Amino acid sequence: MHVRSKPKDGRGFEEEFFGYSFQKARALFRHCQSCSEKSAIRRVKECQHCLGWNPRQPKTALARGLFDRVSARLGSRGRDLRLFAAVGSSLDIRGIDGWFERDHVMVTIDLTVSAGKEDPRAHLVITRSDFLTNRHYSIGDWIAEMLLR
């Protein structure tokens, strides 16, 4: 899996992972910036196609690599696995850039370039260095375990 070695800011890493710009998503979600978390989740799910994102078939190498690892660990129980992109939504403001979902169980993720991020609000913080050091394989295993609980 190819990861750019040049350091990026957080927005750049989010764009590299999900393949769309924060500005595009911000415009799409502008009417739902102060809605409840439940409403935000529903809106994000409804708008995946508008972002050019397919939760069942992630389009970027980074997202696809992590998704494939989670799916492989789930085996036949991973048929309904999805990875939703929430960058630019009101969930992003709450520290959630996306989530893996299987049978209505969610594992939220926050993408960052800062190792040791303080006060994470998502279940899991994923850094660029996790991909550079191949730690994303163990992260995928952990996500699969959480989805099976």
Protein backbone atom coordinates (compact mmCIF):
# COMPACT_ATOMS: atom_id res chain seq x y z
CA MET A 1 0.00 0.00 0.00
CA HIS A 2 1.47 3.33 -1.03
CA VAL A 3 1.53 6.14 1.52
CA ARG A 4 2.99 9.46 0.58
CA SER A 5 6.09 10.02 2.67
CA LYS A 6 5.77 13.80 2.60
CA PRO A 7 4.21 15.06 5.84
CA LYS A 8 0.68 16.37 5.48
CA ASP A 9 -1.66 18.27 7.72
CA GLY A 10 -4.73 16.57 9.15
CA ARG A 11 -7.04 17.71 6.36
CA GLY A 12 -4.57 16.44 3.78
CA PHE A 13 -4.46 13.02 5.44
CA GLU A 14 -8.27 12.87 5.58
CA GLU A 15 -8.41 13.70 1.88
CA GLU A 16 -5.77 11.07 1.10
CA PHE A 17 -7.72 8.46 3.10
CA PHE A 18 -11.25 9.22 1.82
CA GLY A 19 -10.46 10.80 -1.55
CA TYR A 20 -12.59 13.93 -1.33
CA SER A 21 -11.99 17.46 -0.08
CA PHE A 22 -13.15 18.90 3.21
CA GLN A 23 -14.55 21.94 1.38
CA LYS A 24 -16.74 19.79 -0.87
CA ALA A 25 -18.17 17.94 2.12
CA ARG A 26 -18.58 21.10 4.21
CA ALA A 27 -20.76 22.59 1.47
CA LEU A 28 -22.81 19.39 1.29
CA PHE A 29 -23.35 19.23 5.06
CA ARG A 30 -23.75 22.99 5.71
CA HIS A 31 -27.43 22.65 6.66
CA CYS A 32 -26.71 19.98 9.26
CA GLN A 33 -23.86 21.48 11.30
CA SER A 34 -25.81 21.73 14.54
CA CYS A 35 -28.06 18.68 14.23
CA SER A 36 -28.11 15.84 16.76
CA GLU A 37 -25.62 12.99 16.45
CA LYS A 38 -28.39 10.62 15.35
CA SER A 39 -29.51 13.05 12.63
CA ALA A 40 -25.90 13.63 11.57
CA ILE A 41 -25.31 9.88 11.19
CA ARG A 42 -28.45 9.56 9.08
CA ARG A 43 -27.44 12.54 6.90
CA VAL A 44 -23.89 11.23 6.41
CA LYS A 45 -25.24 7.83 5.34
CA GLU A 46 -27.62 9.49 2.86
CA CYS A 47 -24.84 11.59 1.31
CA GLN A 48 -22.10 9.03 0.69
CA HIS A 49 -22.84 8.91 -3.05
CA CYS A 50 -22.68 12.74 -3.24
CA LEU A 51 -19.12 12.52 -1.93
CA GLY A 52 -18.22 9.90 -4.52
CA TRP A 53 -17.81 7.36 -1.72
CA ASN A 54 -19.09 3.78 -1.67
CA PRO A 55 -19.10 2.42 1.91
CA ARG A 56 -18.88 -1.17 0.62
CA GLN A 57 -15.99 -0.49 -1.78
CA PRO A 58 -13.62 2.22 -0.54
CA LYS A 59 -11.86 3.87 -3.47
CA THR A 60 -8.51 4.93 -2.01
CA ALA A 61 -5.56 2.65 -1.34
CA LEU A 62 -5.39 3.57 2.35
CA ALA A 63 -9.08 3.06 3.08
CA ARG A 64 -9.25 -0.06 0.90
CA GLY A 65 -6.26 -1.63 2.66
CA LEU A 66 -7.77 -1.12 6.10
CA PHE A 67 -11.25 -2.17 4.93
CA ASP A 68 -9.88 -5.35 3.34
CA ARG A 69 -8.03 -6.25 6.56
CA VAL A 70 -11.19 -5.80 8.65
CA SER A 71 -13.24 -7.76 6.11
CA ALA A 72 -10.73 -10.62 6.01
CA ARG A 73 -10.73 -10.88 9.80
CA LEU A 74 -14.54 -10.97 9.84
CA GLY A 75 -14.65 -13.71 7.22
CA SER A 76 -18.19 -14.61 6.19
CA ARG A 77 -19.53 -12.34 8.92
CA GLY A 78 -18.11 -9.36 7.03
CA ARG A 79 -20.50 -9.44 4.10
CA ASP A 80 -22.37 -6.37 5.35
CA LEU A 81 -19.25 -4.41 6.39
CA ARG A 82 -19.29 -0.73 5.48
CA LEU A 83 -16.91 2.18 5.98
CA PHE A 84 -18.67 5.54 6.10
CA ALA A 85 -16.90 8.84 5.45
CA ALA A 86 -17.90 11.75 7.71
CA VAL A 87 -15.17 14.34 7.07
CA GLY A 88 -16.74 17.80 6.78
CA SER A 89 -19.94 16.81 8.59
CA SER A 90 -21.04 17.76 12.10
CA LEU A 91 -19.60 14.41 13.22
CA ASP A 92 -16.18 15.66 12.11
CA ILE A 93 -16.61 18.62 14.46
CA ARG A 94 -17.26 16.04 17.20
CA GLY A 95 -13.99 14.23 16.37
CA ILE A 96 -15.39 11.48 14.14
CA ASP A 97 -14.03 11.34 10.59
CA GLY A 98 -15.75 8.09 9.72
CA TRP A 99 -16.80 4.71 11.01
CA PHE A 100 -16.88 1.03 10.25
CA GLU A 101 -20.28 -0.58 10.62
CA ARG A 102 -21.56 -4.15 10.66
CA ASP A 103 -25.02 -5.23 11.86
CA HIS A 104 -25.65 -1.74 13.32
CA VAL A 105 -22.46 -1.91 15.41
CA MET A 106 -20.20 1.09 14.80
CA VAL A 107 -16.50 1.65 15.42
CA THR A 108 -15.71 5.33 14.93
CA ILE A 109 -12.36 6.59 13.69
CA ASP A 110 -10.49 9.88 13.85
CA LEU A 111 -7.71 10.40 11.31
CA THR A 112 -4.76 12.56 12.36
CA VAL A 113 -1.14 13.29 11.67
CA SER A 114 -0.51 13.93 15.39
CA ALA A 115 0.60 10.88 17.35
CA GLY A 116 -0.70 10.94 20.93
CA LYS A 117 -3.72 13.09 20.17
CA GLU A 118 -5.26 14.38 23.37
CA ASP A 119 -8.93 13.80 24.21
CA PRO A 120 -9.95 11.52 21.34
CA ARG A 121 -13.73 11.29 20.95
CA ALA A 122 -13.75 8.47 18.43
CA HIS A 123 -13.23 4.84 19.40
CA LEU A 124 -9.93 4.82 17.56
CA VAL A 125 -7.39 7.41 16.44
CA ILE A 126 -5.51 6.43 13.29
CA THR A 127 -2.35 8.29 12.30
CA ARG A 128 -0.47 8.53 9.02
CA SER A 129 2.45 6.75 10.68
CA ASP A 130 0.18 3.74 11.34
CA PHE A 131 0.20 3.18 7.57
CA LEU A 132 3.88 3.98 7.15
CA THR A 133 4.82 1.37 9.80
CA ASN A 134 2.17 -1.20 8.75
CA ARG A 135 0.46 -0.88 12.15
CA HIS A 136 -2.83 -0.57 10.25
CA TYR A 137 -2.93 -4.38 10.09
CA SER A 138 -3.30 -4.68 13.86
CA ILE A 139 -5.73 -1.75 13.83
CA GLY A 140 -7.86 -3.66 11.33
CA ASP A 141 -7.79 -6.72 13.58
CA TRP A 142 -8.92 -4.60 16.55
CA ILE A 143 -11.77 -3.05 14.53
CA ALA A 144 -12.96 -6.52 13.49
CA GLU A 145 -12.94 -7.68 17.12
CA MET A 146 -15.00 -4.67 18.16
CA LEU A 147 -17.53 -5.26 15.38
CA LEU A 148 -18.04 -8.85 16.52
CA ARG A 149 -18.90 -7.93 20.13
